[in-house]
N, C-alpha and C. Protein backbone atom coordinates (compact mmCIF):
# COMPACT_ATOMS: atom_id res chain seq x y z
N MET A 1 61.51 108.55 90.62
CA MET A 1 61.49 107.18 90.13
C MET A 1 60.12 106.19 90.35
N THR A 2 59.85 105.72 89.79
CA THR A 2 58.80 104.59 89.78
C THR A 2 59.15 103.57 90.66
N PRO A 3 58.11 103.06 91.78
CA PRO A 3 58.36 102.02 92.42
C PRO A 3 58.85 100.65 91.59
N GLU A 4 58.43 100.57 90.34
CA GLU A 4 58.77 99.80 89.45
C GLU A 4 60.32 99.72 89.25
N GLU A 5 60.63 100.83 88.82
CA GLU A 5 62.26 101.25 88.42
C GLU A 5 63.47 100.94 89.89
N LEU A 6 62.72 101.19 90.81
CA LEU A 6 63.44 101.04 92.35
C LEU A 6 63.55 99.24 92.33
N PHE A 7 62.55 98.81 92.12
CA PHE A 7 62.30 97.36 92.24
C PHE A 7 63.30 96.72 91.37
N ASN A 8 63.37 97.16 90.21
CA ASN A 8 64.50 96.85 89.23
C ASN A 8 65.76 96.73 89.39
N ILE A 9 66.10 98.26 90.12
CA ILE A 9 67.56 98.43 90.74
C ILE A 9 67.63 97.30 91.87
N GLY A 10 66.79 97.45 92.62
CA GLY A 10 66.92 96.65 93.94
C GLY A 10 67.06 95.05 93.50
N ARG A 11 66.56 94.61 92.49
CA ARG A 11 66.62 93.06 91.89
C ARG A 11 68.17 93.17 91.32
N MET A 12 68.62 93.95 90.50
CA MET A 12 69.88 94.04 89.93
C MET A 12 70.98 94.03 90.95
N LEU A 13 70.86 94.71 91.84
CA LEU A 13 71.98 94.66 93.02
C LEU A 13 71.89 93.37 93.72
N ALA A 14 70.72 92.89 94.14
CA ALA A 14 70.68 91.63 94.64
C ALA A 14 71.15 90.35 93.80
N ALA A 15 71.12 90.41 92.60
CA ALA A 15 71.75 89.59 91.71
C ALA A 15 73.04 89.74 91.82
N LEU A 16 73.79 91.01 91.71
CA LEU A 16 75.24 91.39 91.71
C LEU A 16 75.72 90.62 92.98
N VAL A 17 75.10 91.03 94.27
CA VAL A 17 75.66 90.41 95.35
C VAL A 17 75.65 88.93 95.52
N PHE A 18 74.42 87.99 94.98
CA PHE A 18 74.52 86.75 95.01
C PHE A 18 75.60 86.25 94.10
N VAL A 19 75.72 86.92 92.87
CA VAL A 19 76.85 86.36 92.07
C VAL A 19 78.46 86.37 92.64
N LEU A 20 78.64 87.89 93.34
CA LEU A 20 80.05 87.80 94.07
C LEU A 20 80.05 86.76 95.20
N ALA A 21 78.95 86.47 96.06
CA ALA A 21 78.76 85.56 97.23
C ALA A 21 79.37 84.31 96.58
N LEU A 22 78.58 83.71 95.21
CA LEU A 22 79.15 82.34 94.90
C LEU A 22 80.49 82.37 94.02
N MET A 23 80.93 83.37 93.78
CA MET A 23 82.46 83.55 93.34
C MET A 23 83.22 83.36 94.75
N GLY A 24 82.77 83.92 95.49
CA GLY A 24 83.81 83.90 96.73
C GLY A 24 83.73 82.74 97.49
N GLY A 25 82.48 81.98 97.22
CA GLY A 25 82.37 80.58 98.12
C GLY A 25 83.15 79.35 97.36
N LEU A 26 83.21 79.66 95.96
CA LEU A 26 83.94 78.74 94.87
C LEU A 26 85.41 79.06 95.24
N ALA A 27 85.89 80.38 95.34
CA ALA A 27 87.37 80.42 95.73
C ALA A 27 87.52 80.11 97.14
N PHE A 28 86.95 80.05 98.11
CA PHE A 28 86.96 79.28 99.26
C PHE A 28 86.85 77.88 99.54
N VAL A 29 86.11 77.17 98.53
CA VAL A 29 86.24 75.80 98.31
C VAL A 29 87.40 75.16 97.56
N LEU A 30 87.87 76.16 96.65
CA LEU A 30 89.06 75.76 95.86
C LEU A 30 90.24 75.81 96.38
N LYS A 31 90.33 76.83 97.52
CA LYS A 31 91.22 76.75 98.39
C LYS A 31 91.48 75.82 99.37
N LYS A 32 90.43 75.32 99.85
CA LYS A 32 90.16 74.34 100.77
C LYS A 32 90.94 72.95 100.40
N LEU A 33 90.70 72.81 99.09
CA LEU A 33 90.76 71.50 98.23
C LEU A 33 92.41 71.62 97.83
N GLY A 34 92.94 72.75 97.90
CA GLY A 34 94.28 72.87 97.39
C GLY A 34 94.48 72.98 95.96
N LEU A 35 93.31 73.63 95.12
CA LEU A 35 93.64 73.68 93.81
C LEU A 35 93.54 75.06 93.37
N SER A 36 93.87 75.98 94.46
CA SER A 36 93.93 77.45 93.93
C SER A 36 95.13 78.15 93.50
N GLY A 37 96.49 77.04 93.49
CA GLY A 37 97.63 77.70 93.27
C GLY A 37 97.82 77.33 91.86
N PRO A 38 99.26 77.96 91.44
CA PRO A 38 99.72 77.71 90.21
C PRO A 38 99.94 76.23 89.74
N PRO A 39 99.72 75.55 88.44
CA PRO A 39 99.34 74.04 88.21
C PRO A 39 100.53 73.30 88.43
N GLY A 40 101.88 73.96 88.78
CA GLY A 40 102.99 73.22 89.18
C GLY A 40 103.37 72.97 90.46
N THR A 41 102.46 73.54 91.17
CA THR A 41 102.71 73.14 92.86
C THR A 41 102.40 71.71 93.48
N LEU A 42 101.53 71.27 92.48
CA LEU A 42 100.84 69.76 93.01
C LEU A 42 101.84 68.68 92.61
N ALA A 43 102.71 68.88 91.76
CA ALA A 43 103.68 68.12 91.36
C ALA A 43 104.86 67.58 92.26
N GLY A 44 104.64 67.72 93.58
CA GLY A 44 105.92 67.47 94.70
C GLY A 44 106.67 68.67 94.88
N LYS A 45 108.01 68.27 95.19
CA LYS A 45 108.76 69.27 95.68
C LYS A 45 109.07 70.43 94.88
N LYS A 46 109.47 71.63 95.44
CA LYS A 46 109.85 72.80 94.69
C LYS A 46 111.37 72.66 94.17
N ARG A 47 111.89 73.06 93.29
CA ARG A 47 113.07 72.97 92.94
C ARG A 47 113.69 74.04 93.21
N LEU A 48 112.80 75.15 92.83
CA LEU A 48 113.45 76.70 92.98
C LEU A 48 113.55 77.35 94.32
N LYS A 49 114.20 78.23 94.78
CA LYS A 49 114.14 79.05 95.87
C LYS A 49 114.85 80.36 95.86
N VAL A 50 114.18 81.57 96.17
CA VAL A 50 115.12 82.54 96.06
C VAL A 50 115.29 82.63 97.66
N ILE A 51 116.80 82.32 97.94
CA ILE A 51 117.85 82.49 99.16
C ILE A 51 117.61 83.86 99.83
N GLU A 52 118.17 84.69 99.06
CA GLU A 52 118.53 86.35 99.48
C GLU A 52 118.31 87.20 98.62
N SER A 53 117.67 88.53 98.75
CA SER A 53 117.29 89.51 97.56
C SER A 53 118.18 90.93 98.30
N LEU A 54 118.97 91.65 97.57
CA LEU A 54 119.54 92.80 98.07
C LEU A 54 119.43 93.68 96.86
N PRO A 55 118.71 94.79 97.41
CA PRO A 55 118.28 95.93 96.42
C PRO A 55 119.70 96.84 96.25
N LEU A 56 120.27 96.74 95.01
CA LEU A 56 121.33 97.71 94.99
C LEU A 56 121.32 99.19 94.54
N ASP A 57 120.24 99.47 93.77
CA ASP A 57 119.69 100.71 93.65
C ASP A 57 118.20 100.73 93.46
N MET A 58 117.83 102.00 92.88
CA MET A 58 116.36 102.14 92.64
C MET A 58 116.08 101.13 91.64
N ARG A 59 116.44 100.77 91.05
CA ARG A 59 116.30 99.82 89.58
C ARG A 59 116.75 98.43 89.65
N ARG A 60 117.95 98.14 90.12
CA ARG A 60 118.31 97.01 90.46
C ARG A 60 118.44 96.22 91.53
N ARG A 61 118.30 94.87 91.34
CA ARG A 61 118.43 94.02 92.62
C ARG A 61 119.44 92.60 92.55
N LEU A 62 120.10 92.54 93.71
CA LEU A 62 121.25 91.33 93.62
C LEU A 62 120.25 90.17 94.09
N VAL A 63 120.08 89.01 93.45
CA VAL A 63 119.15 87.88 93.99
C VAL A 63 120.26 86.90 93.92
N LEU A 64 120.03 85.82 95.14
CA LEU A 64 120.92 84.62 95.40
C LEU A 64 119.68 83.40 94.79
N ILE A 65 119.53 82.84 94.00
CA ILE A 65 118.64 81.75 93.37
C ILE A 65 119.15 80.24 93.92
N GLN A 66 118.55 79.45 94.10
CA GLN A 66 118.83 78.22 94.30
C GLN A 66 118.22 77.28 93.58
N CYS A 67 118.80 76.29 92.78
CA CYS A 67 118.07 75.37 91.85
C CYS A 67 118.75 74.03 92.32
N ASP A 68 118.10 73.15 92.86
CA ASP A 68 118.64 71.80 93.19
C ASP A 68 119.58 72.15 94.35
N ASP A 69 121.07 71.61 93.98
CA ASP A 69 121.93 71.69 95.22
C ASP A 69 122.96 72.83 94.67
N GLU A 70 122.71 73.79 93.79
CA GLU A 70 123.35 74.78 93.08
C GLU A 70 122.41 76.01 93.50
N GLN A 71 123.81 77.03 93.81
CA GLN A 71 123.18 78.68 93.86
C GLN A 71 123.65 79.29 92.57
N HIS A 72 123.04 80.42 92.41
CA HIS A 72 123.17 81.12 91.35
C HIS A 72 123.30 82.81 91.91
N LEU A 73 124.09 83.73 91.58
CA LEU A 73 124.03 84.95 91.88
C LEU A 73 123.59 85.58 90.75
N VAL A 74 122.57 86.34 90.60
CA VAL A 74 121.94 87.17 89.44
C VAL A 74 121.40 88.74 89.89
N ILE A 75 121.84 89.77 88.87
CA ILE A 75 121.27 91.04 88.63
C ILE A 75 120.10 91.27 88.08
N LEU A 76 119.07 91.83 88.57
CA LEU A 76 117.78 91.82 87.93
C LEU A 76 117.84 93.51 87.89
N GLY A 77 117.39 93.74 86.70
CA GLY A 77 117.07 95.23 86.52
C GLY A 77 116.17 95.62 85.22
N PRO A 78 115.76 96.48 84.85
CA PRO A 78 115.07 96.89 83.66
C PRO A 78 115.59 96.60 82.56
N ALA A 79 116.75 96.48 82.20
CA ALA A 79 117.13 95.79 81.03
C ALA A 79 117.31 94.50 80.88
N GLY A 80 117.15 93.79 82.02
CA GLY A 80 117.31 92.12 81.71
C GLY A 80 117.95 91.72 83.04
N GLU A 81 118.70 90.80 83.23
CA GLU A 81 119.08 89.92 83.92
C GLU A 81 120.89 89.66 83.63
N THR A 82 121.53 89.86 84.68
CA THR A 82 122.74 89.67 84.38
C THR A 82 123.39 88.41 85.40
N LEU A 83 123.92 87.31 84.81
CA LEU A 83 124.25 86.40 85.59
C LEU A 83 125.61 86.57 86.26
N ILE A 84 126.19 86.89 87.58
CA ILE A 84 127.29 87.20 88.06
C ILE A 84 128.32 86.01 88.64
N LYS A 85 127.55 84.90 89.19
CA LYS A 85 128.38 83.74 89.40
C LYS A 85 127.38 82.55 89.61
N THR A 86 127.92 81.30 89.11
CA THR A 86 127.09 80.02 88.97
C THR A 86 127.69 78.93 89.53
N GLY A 87 126.87 78.10 90.32
CA GLY A 87 127.70 76.84 90.66
C GLY A 87 128.08 77.21 92.26
N ILE A 88 127.36 77.86 93.03
CA ILE A 88 127.86 78.13 94.28
C ILE A 88 127.51 77.14 95.00
N ALA A 89 128.30 76.53 95.76
CA ALA A 89 127.72 75.44 96.92
C ALA A 89 126.84 75.93 97.67
N VAL A 90 125.96 74.95 98.05
CA VAL A 90 124.71 75.21 99.28
C VAL A 90 125.44 75.03 100.46
N ARG A 91 125.37 76.41 101.54
CA ARG A 91 125.72 76.52 102.75
C ARG A 91 124.74 75.81 103.84
N ASN A 92 125.30 75.21 104.50
CA ASN A 92 124.16 74.43 105.28
C ASN A 92 124.36 75.04 107.08
N ASP A 93 124.92 76.49 107.04
CA ASP A 93 125.24 76.91 108.15
C ASP A 93 124.01 77.27 108.84
N PRO A 94 123.80 77.27 110.30
CA PRO A 94 122.72 77.68 110.51
C PRO A 94 122.48 79.51 110.60
N PRO A 95 121.07 79.83 110.69
CA PRO A 95 121.00 81.07 110.41
C PRO A 95 121.81 82.09 111.59
N GLY A 96 122.65 83.37 111.19
CA GLY A 96 122.98 83.93 112.26
C GLY A 96 124.33 83.71 112.80
N ALA A 97 124.71 82.47 112.12
CA ALA A 97 126.43 82.07 112.78
C ALA A 97 127.06 82.87 111.73
N PRO A 98 128.39 83.33 112.22
CA PRO A 98 129.26 83.84 111.69
C PRO A 98 129.78 83.31 110.35
N ALA A 99 130.06 84.00 109.37
CA ALA A 99 130.46 83.23 107.95
C ALA A 99 131.93 82.54 108.07
N SER A 100 132.79 82.73 108.98
CA SER A 100 134.07 82.03 109.12
C SER A 100 134.00 81.75 110.63
N SER A 101 134.59 80.80 111.27
CA SER A 101 134.76 80.79 112.52
C SER A 101 136.20 80.45 112.68
N VAL A 102 136.91 81.47 112.63
CA VAL A 102 138.42 81.35 112.98
C VAL A 102 138.69 81.75 114.29
N ASP A 103 139.12 80.83 115.04
CA ASP A 103 139.58 81.47 116.38
C ASP A 103 140.71 82.36 116.75
N ALA A 104 140.45 83.48 117.34
CA ALA A 104 141.92 84.42 117.43
C ALA A 104 142.80 83.89 118.46
N SER A 105 142.24 83.34 119.24
CA SER A 105 143.21 82.76 120.10
C SER A 105 144.51 81.70 119.89
N ALA A 106 144.02 81.17 118.57
CA ALA A 106 145.23 79.99 117.93
C ALA A 106 146.02 80.82 117.01
N GLU A 107 145.98 82.35 116.75
CA GLU A 107 146.85 82.82 116.02
C GLU A 107 148.07 83.21 116.98
N SER A 108 148.14 83.08 118.24
CA SER A 108 149.27 84.06 118.97
C SER A 108 150.32 82.88 118.98
């Protein structure tokens, strides 16, 4: 290789590094300004949440989704989705609390 060819290869690599650094800098600035997310996230409070997800088998998953003040139970799989139950009331129990607080001593 001649020195001129080596110089051209070095110049191309330097240009590549420069362009990648510009792209990284622009991504950093956009993230700091809050403009890097999907377009819908700037419009206030999010209405949809995945509350819980449970794998049923290798291909299907049971998902509890909340929209506003209602929850929906859905099975997701490769063939599509199946709505199991809708209109489930939102529970405001603290995490880790038992599902029902029945006092065993009251039954005697």
